[in-house]
Amino acid sequence: AGRCLWAQVSARCQPVPVPQRYCQDVYRGQLASVHSAARNQELQKLARTYKIISPWIGAVTSRRAGQWESYWEDSSPWNYANWAPTHPFHIVTTCTTLSIRDGLWRSHFCFQLRPFICQY
């Protein structure tokens, strides 16, 4: 609501802290958050168009107040999830990718180099 559609997919592989800053500094946006199956499919299709296999989205899973939880970097409500079986990991803080093959989300260490999707 109030944001442009997903207008930027970067093929430049970066660990998550870099895309977070890039989305903020260049677009005044965030890594993409997903709140419905329709939006998930839209992002999957967008990434496929750019031939981006598993881009970062803005979901993070970490231990907070003794409990593992997933949340959006942009602080929007956590009201939808599309995790692959056995995900998210509950070992260390992880970031999330969206698969263009099956649309499922998978946990990865945040320092891995991957392309990303900004929303603004």
N, C-alpha and C. Protein backbone atom coordinates (compact mmCIF):
# COMPACT_ATOMS: atom_id res chain seq x y z
N ALA A 1 0.84 -1.18 0.00
CA ALA A 1 0.00 0.00 0.00
C ALA A 1 0.88 1.24 0.00
N GLY A 2 0.70 2.10 -0.96
CA GLY A 2 1.48 3.32 -1.03
C GLY A 2 2.86 3.12 -1.60
N ARG A 3 3.15 1.92 -2.06
CA ARG A 3 4.47 1.65 -2.62
C ARG A 3 4.33 1.30 -4.08
N CYS A 4 5.36 1.64 -4.83
CA CYS A 4 5.40 1.21 -6.22
C CYS A 4 5.52 -0.31 -6.25
N LEU A 5 5.17 -0.87 -7.37
CA LEU A 5 5.34 -2.30 -7.53
C LEU A 5 6.83 -2.62 -7.52
N TRP A 6 7.14 -3.87 -7.45
CA TRP A 6 8.52 -4.33 -7.40
C TRP A 6 9.24 -3.87 -8.65
N ALA A 7 10.09 -2.92 -8.51
CA ALA A 7 10.68 -2.31 -9.70
C ALA A 7 12.16 -2.56 -9.84
N GLN A 8 12.75 -3.23 -8.91
CA GLN A 8 14.19 -3.43 -9.02
C GLN A 8 14.57 -4.83 -8.61
N VAL A 9 15.18 -5.52 -9.51
CA VAL A 9 15.82 -6.80 -9.21
C VAL A 9 17.28 -6.61 -9.56
N SER A 10 18.14 -6.86 -8.62
CA SER A 10 19.56 -6.69 -8.89
C SER A 10 20.22 -8.04 -9.10
N ALA A 11 20.96 -8.16 -10.17
CA ALA A 11 21.73 -9.39 -10.42
C ALA A 11 23.09 -9.33 -9.74
N ARG A 12 23.40 -8.20 -9.11
CA ARG A 12 24.68 -8.08 -8.40
C ARG A 12 24.57 -8.85 -7.10
N CYS A 13 25.38 -9.86 -6.96
CA CYS A 13 25.31 -10.71 -5.77
C CYS A 13 25.95 -10.00 -4.58
N GLN A 14 25.21 -9.96 -3.47
CA GLN A 14 25.68 -9.27 -2.28
C GLN A 14 25.19 -10.03 -1.05
N PRO A 15 25.93 -9.96 0.08
CA PRO A 15 25.39 -10.47 1.33
C PRO A 15 24.29 -9.51 1.79
N VAL A 16 23.37 -9.98 2.61
CA VAL A 16 22.16 -9.22 2.93
C VAL A 16 22.38 -7.79 3.43
N PRO A 17 23.32 -7.49 4.33
CA PRO A 17 23.42 -6.09 4.77
C PRO A 17 23.63 -5.09 3.63
N VAL A 18 24.30 -5.49 2.57
CA VAL A 18 24.53 -4.57 1.44
C VAL A 18 23.22 -4.27 0.70
N PRO A 19 22.41 -5.28 0.31
CA PRO A 19 21.14 -4.98 -0.34
C PRO A 19 20.19 -4.15 0.53
N GLN A 20 20.20 -4.40 1.84
CA GLN A 20 19.34 -3.59 2.72
C GLN A 20 19.70 -2.12 2.57
N ARG A 21 20.98 -1.82 2.65
CA ARG A 21 21.42 -0.42 2.51
C ARG A 21 21.16 0.09 1.11
N TYR A 22 21.42 -0.73 0.10
CA TYR A 22 21.21 -0.34 -1.30
C TYR A 22 19.75 0.03 -1.53
N CYS A 23 18.83 -0.82 -1.09
CA CYS A 23 17.40 -0.54 -1.28
C CYS A 23 17.02 0.77 -0.58
N GLN A 24 17.56 1.00 0.61
CA GLN A 24 17.26 2.23 1.35
C GLN A 24 17.87 3.45 0.69
N ASP A 25 19.16 3.35 0.35
CA ASP A 25 19.87 4.52 -0.17
C ASP A 25 19.47 4.89 -1.58
N VAL A 26 19.29 3.91 -2.45
CA VAL A 26 19.01 4.18 -3.86
C VAL A 26 17.52 4.39 -4.11
N TYR A 27 16.67 3.59 -3.46
CA TYR A 27 15.24 3.63 -3.76
C TYR A 27 14.37 4.12 -2.60
N ARG A 28 15.01 4.38 -1.45
CA ARG A 28 14.26 4.70 -0.24
C ARG A 28 13.24 3.60 0.05
N GLY A 29 13.69 2.36 -0.16
CA GLY A 29 12.84 1.19 0.02
C GLY A 29 13.48 0.17 0.93
N GLN A 30 13.02 -1.06 0.80
CA GLN A 30 13.48 -2.17 1.62
C GLN A 30 13.60 -3.40 0.74
N LEU A 31 14.22 -4.45 1.28
CA LEU A 31 14.11 -5.74 0.63
C LEU A 31 12.63 -6.14 0.64
N ALA A 32 12.20 -6.85 -0.38
CA ALA A 32 10.78 -7.15 -0.56
C ALA A 32 10.20 -7.95 0.61
N SER A 33 9.00 -7.55 1.04
CA SER A 33 8.21 -8.34 1.98
C SER A 33 7.02 -8.91 1.22
N VAL A 34 6.54 -10.07 1.66
CA VAL A 34 5.50 -10.80 0.93
C VAL A 34 4.34 -11.08 1.88
N HIS A 35 3.14 -10.64 1.50
CA HIS A 35 1.99 -10.78 2.39
C HIS A 35 0.83 -11.56 1.80
N SER A 36 1.06 -12.22 0.66
CA SER A 36 -0.01 -13.04 0.07
C SER A 36 0.60 -13.99 -0.96
N ALA A 37 -0.16 -15.04 -1.27
CA ALA A 37 0.28 -15.98 -2.30
C ALA A 37 0.39 -15.28 -3.65
N ALA A 38 -0.53 -14.35 -3.91
CA ALA A 38 -0.49 -13.63 -5.19
C ALA A 38 0.78 -12.80 -5.30
N ARG A 39 1.19 -12.13 -4.23
CA ARG A 39 2.41 -11.33 -4.25
C ARG A 39 3.64 -12.23 -4.39
N ASN A 40 3.60 -13.38 -3.73
CA ASN A 40 4.69 -14.33 -3.84
C ASN A 40 4.87 -14.77 -5.30
N GLN A 41 3.76 -15.08 -5.97
CA GLN A 41 3.82 -15.47 -7.38
C GLN A 41 4.31 -14.33 -8.26
N GLU A 42 3.90 -13.12 -7.92
CA GLU A 42 4.33 -11.94 -8.68
C GLU A 42 5.85 -11.78 -8.60
N LEU A 43 6.40 -11.92 -7.40
CA LEU A 43 7.85 -11.81 -7.23
C LEU A 43 8.59 -12.96 -7.90
N GLN A 44 8.01 -14.15 -7.81
CA GLN A 44 8.61 -15.31 -8.47
C GLN A 44 8.69 -15.07 -9.97
N LYS A 45 7.62 -14.56 -10.54
CA LYS A 45 7.57 -14.28 -11.98
C LYS A 45 8.57 -13.18 -12.35
N LEU A 46 8.65 -12.14 -11.52
CA LEU A 46 9.58 -11.04 -11.77
C LEU A 46 11.02 -11.55 -11.76
N ALA A 47 11.37 -12.33 -10.75
CA ALA A 47 12.73 -12.86 -10.66
C ALA A 47 13.03 -13.77 -11.85
N ARG A 48 12.06 -14.56 -12.25
CA ARG A 48 12.24 -15.46 -13.41
C ARG A 48 12.49 -14.65 -14.67
N THR A 49 11.78 -13.53 -14.83
CA THR A 49 11.96 -12.66 -16.00
C THR A 49 13.41 -12.20 -16.11
N TYR A 50 14.01 -11.89 -14.96
CA TYR A 50 15.39 -11.41 -14.94
C TYR A 50 16.40 -12.55 -14.83
N LYS A 51 15.90 -13.79 -14.84
CA LYS A 51 16.75 -14.98 -14.72
C LYS A 51 17.54 -14.98 -13.41
N ILE A 52 16.88 -14.50 -12.35
CA ILE A 52 17.46 -14.49 -11.02
C ILE A 52 16.94 -15.72 -10.29
N ILE A 53 17.81 -16.65 -9.95
CA ILE A 53 17.36 -17.95 -9.45
C ILE A 53 16.80 -17.91 -8.03
N SER A 54 17.51 -17.38 -7.08
CA SER A 54 17.04 -17.36 -5.69
C SER A 54 17.42 -16.04 -5.03
N PRO A 55 16.68 -14.98 -5.31
CA PRO A 55 17.03 -13.67 -4.75
C PRO A 55 16.66 -13.56 -3.27
N TRP A 56 17.41 -12.70 -2.57
CA TRP A 56 17.05 -12.36 -1.20
C TRP A 56 15.71 -11.62 -1.20
N ILE A 57 14.87 -11.94 -0.21
CA ILE A 57 13.72 -11.12 0.13
C ILE A 57 13.94 -10.65 1.56
N GLY A 58 13.05 -9.87 2.11
CA GLY A 58 13.31 -9.22 3.39
C GLY A 58 12.96 -9.97 4.65
N ALA A 59 12.78 -11.29 4.59
CA ALA A 59 12.46 -12.07 5.79
C ALA A 59 13.74 -12.51 6.50
N VAL A 60 13.72 -12.38 7.82
CA VAL A 60 14.83 -12.81 8.66
C VAL A 60 14.26 -13.72 9.74
N THR A 61 15.00 -14.75 10.10
CA THR A 61 14.62 -15.62 11.21
C THR A 61 15.72 -15.53 12.26
N SER A 62 15.33 -15.19 13.48
CA SER A 62 16.32 -15.10 14.55
C SER A 62 15.67 -15.40 15.89
N ARG A 63 16.53 -15.57 16.88
CA ARG A 63 16.06 -15.84 18.24
C ARG A 63 15.83 -14.50 18.93
N ARG A 64 14.59 -14.29 19.38
CA ARG A 64 14.23 -13.05 20.08
C ARG A 64 13.51 -13.43 21.37
N ALA A 65 13.98 -12.89 22.46
CA ALA A 65 13.39 -13.17 23.77
C ALA A 65 13.26 -14.68 24.00
N GLY A 66 14.29 -15.43 23.60
CA GLY A 66 14.32 -16.87 23.83
C GLY A 66 13.52 -17.71 22.86
N GLN A 67 12.85 -17.11 21.90
CA GLN A 67 12.01 -17.83 20.93
C GLN A 67 12.51 -17.57 19.52
N TRP A 68 12.46 -18.58 18.65
CA TRP A 68 12.78 -18.38 17.24
C TRP A 68 11.57 -17.77 16.55
N GLU A 69 11.79 -16.73 15.80
CA GLU A 69 10.69 -16.14 15.04
C GLU A 69 11.20 -15.54 13.74
N SER A 70 10.28 -15.45 12.79
CA SER A 70 10.58 -14.82 11.50
C SER A 70 9.88 -13.47 11.48
N TYR A 71 10.51 -12.51 10.83
CA TYR A 71 9.95 -11.16 10.75
C TYR A 71 10.44 -10.49 9.47
N TRP A 72 9.74 -9.44 9.09
CA TRP A 72 10.12 -8.66 7.90
C TRP A 72 11.02 -7.51 8.31
N GLU A 73 12.07 -7.29 7.53
CA GLU A 73 13.00 -6.19 7.78
C GLU A 73 12.30 -4.83 7.79
N ASP A 74 11.21 -4.70 7.02
CA ASP A 74 10.51 -3.41 6.95
C ASP A 74 9.50 -3.23 8.08
N SER A 75 9.47 -4.17 9.03
CA SER A 75 8.58 -4.13 10.20
C SER A 75 7.10 -4.30 9.86
N SER A 76 6.79 -4.71 8.64
CA SER A 76 5.39 -4.97 8.30
C SER A 76 4.94 -6.26 8.98
N PRO A 77 3.61 -6.47 9.10
CA PRO A 77 3.12 -7.65 9.83
C PRO A 77 3.55 -8.97 9.18
N TRP A 78 3.81 -9.96 10.00
CA TRP A 78 4.13 -11.30 9.51
C TRP A 78 2.81 -12.04 9.36
N ASN A 79 2.18 -11.95 8.19
CA ASN A 79 0.85 -12.53 8.00
C ASN A 79 0.80 -13.55 6.87
N TYR A 80 1.94 -13.92 6.33
CA TYR A 80 2.00 -14.91 5.26
C TYR A 80 3.39 -15.52 5.27
N ALA A 81 3.46 -16.81 4.98
CA ALA A 81 4.76 -17.49 4.85
C ALA A 81 4.63 -18.59 3.81
N ASN A 82 5.71 -18.89 3.13
CA ASN A 82 5.71 -19.93 2.11
C ASN A 82 7.01 -20.74 2.18
N TRP A 83 7.30 -21.24 3.38
CA TRP A 83 8.55 -21.94 3.62
C TRP A 83 8.59 -23.30 2.94
N ALA A 84 9.75 -23.66 2.45
CA ALA A 84 10.01 -25.02 1.97
C ALA A 84 10.05 -25.94 3.19
N PRO A 85 9.81 -27.25 2.99
CA PRO A 85 9.92 -28.18 4.11
C PRO A 85 11.30 -28.06 4.78
N THR A 86 11.33 -28.18 6.07
CA THR A 86 12.52 -28.07 6.95
C THR A 86 13.04 -26.64 7.10
N HIS A 87 12.36 -25.66 6.55
CA HIS A 87 12.76 -24.26 6.70
C HIS A 87 11.69 -23.53 7.50
N PRO A 88 12.01 -22.46 8.21
CA PRO A 88 13.33 -21.86 8.34
C PRO A 88 14.21 -22.64 9.32
N PHE A 89 15.52 -22.38 9.21
CA PHE A 89 16.46 -23.00 10.14
C PHE A 89 16.36 -22.30 11.49
N HIS A 90 16.55 -23.08 12.56
CA HIS A 90 16.57 -22.52 13.91
C HIS A 90 17.90 -22.86 14.56
N ILE A 91 18.97 -22.41 13.92
CA ILE A 91 20.32 -22.67 14.42
C ILE A 91 21.01 -21.35 14.74
N VAL A 92 21.04 -20.49 13.73
CA VAL A 92 21.58 -19.14 13.85
C VAL A 92 20.64 -18.22 13.08
N THR A 93 20.83 -16.92 13.22
CA THR A 93 20.04 -15.97 12.44
C THR A 93 20.25 -16.24 10.96
N THR A 94 19.15 -16.31 10.22
CA THR A 94 19.23 -16.57 8.78
C THR A 94 18.38 -15.57 8.01
N CYS A 95 18.73 -15.41 6.75
CA CYS A 95 17.97 -14.57 5.83
C CYS A 95 17.26 -15.50 4.84
N THR A 96 16.45 -14.94 3.96
CA THR A 96 15.51 -15.75 3.18
C THR A 96 15.61 -15.48 1.69
N THR A 97 15.55 -16.56 0.91
CA THR A 97 15.49 -16.44 -0.55
C THR A 97 14.15 -16.96 -1.04
N LEU A 98 13.77 -16.49 -2.22
CA LEU A 98 12.57 -16.94 -2.91
C LEU A 98 13.00 -17.73 -4.14
N SER A 99 12.57 -18.97 -4.25
CA SER A 99 12.95 -19.80 -5.39
C SER A 99 12.06 -19.50 -6.59
N ILE A 100 12.68 -19.27 -7.75
CA ILE A 100 11.86 -19.07 -8.95
C ILE A 100 11.33 -20.40 -9.47
N ARG A 101 11.92 -21.49 -9.05
CA ARG A 101 11.50 -22.81 -9.50
C ARG A 101 10.16 -23.22 -8.87
N ASP A 102 10.06 -23.10 -7.53
CA ASP A 102 8.85 -23.57 -6.86
C ASP A 102 8.15 -22.49 -6.02
N GLY A 103 8.71 -21.29 -5.94
CA GLY A 103 8.10 -20.21 -5.18
C GLY A 103 8.25 -20.33 -3.68
N LEU A 104 8.97 -21.35 -3.23
CA LEU A 104 9.13 -21.57 -1.79
C LEU A 104 10.29 -20.75 -1.24
N TRP A 105 10.22 -20.48 0.06
CA TRP A 105 11.27 -19.71 0.74
C TRP A 105 12.22 -20.66 1.43
N ARG A 106 13.49 -20.26 1.41
CA ARG A 106 14.51 -21.07 2.07
C ARG A 106 15.45 -20.18 2.88
N SER A 107 15.88 -20.72 4.02
CA SER A 107 16.83 -20.02 4.89
C SER A 107 18.25 -20.18 4.36
N HIS A 108 19.01 -19.11 4.47
CA HIS A 108 20.43 -19.15 4.11
C HIS A 108 21.18 -18.23 5.06
N PHE A 109 22.46 -18.51 5.23
CA PHE A 109 23.28 -17.61 6.03
C PHE A 109 23.31 -16.25 5.35
N CYS A 110 23.14 -15.21 6.11
CA CYS A 110 22.98 -13.85 5.56
C CYS A 110 24.21 -13.34 4.83
N PHE A 111 25.38 -13.93 5.08
CA PHE A 111 26.60 -13.45 4.42
C PHE A 111 26.79 -14.04 3.02
N GLN A 112 25.93 -14.97 2.59
CA GLN A 112 26.06 -15.53 1.25
C GLN A 112 25.79 -14.46 0.19
N LEU A 113 26.49 -14.56 -0.92
CA LEU A 113 26.32 -13.61 -2.01
C LEU A 113 25.17 -14.05 -2.90
N ARG A 114 24.16 -13.20 -3.03
CA ARG A 114 22.98 -13.51 -3.84
C ARG A 114 22.41 -12.22 -4.41
N PRO A 115 21.66 -12.33 -5.51
CA PRO A 115 20.92 -11.16 -6.00
C PRO A 115 19.76 -10.87 -5.05
N PHE A 116 19.05 -9.77 -5.27
CA PHE A 116 18.02 -9.36 -4.32
C PHE A 116 16.92 -8.57 -5.01
N ILE A 117 15.78 -8.44 -4.32
CA ILE A 117 14.63 -7.68 -4.84
C ILE A 117 14.31 -6.56 -3.86
N CYS A 118 14.29 -5.33 -4.37
CA CYS A 118 13.89 -4.17 -3.57
C CYS A 118 12.42 -3.85 -3.82
N GLN A 119 11.74 -3.35 -2.80
CA GLN A 119 10.40 -2.79 -2.98
C GLN A 119 10.46 -1.33 -2.55
N TYR A 120 9.70 -0.50 -3.23
CA TYR A 120 9.64 0.91 -2.84
C TYR A 120 8.37 1.54 -3.33
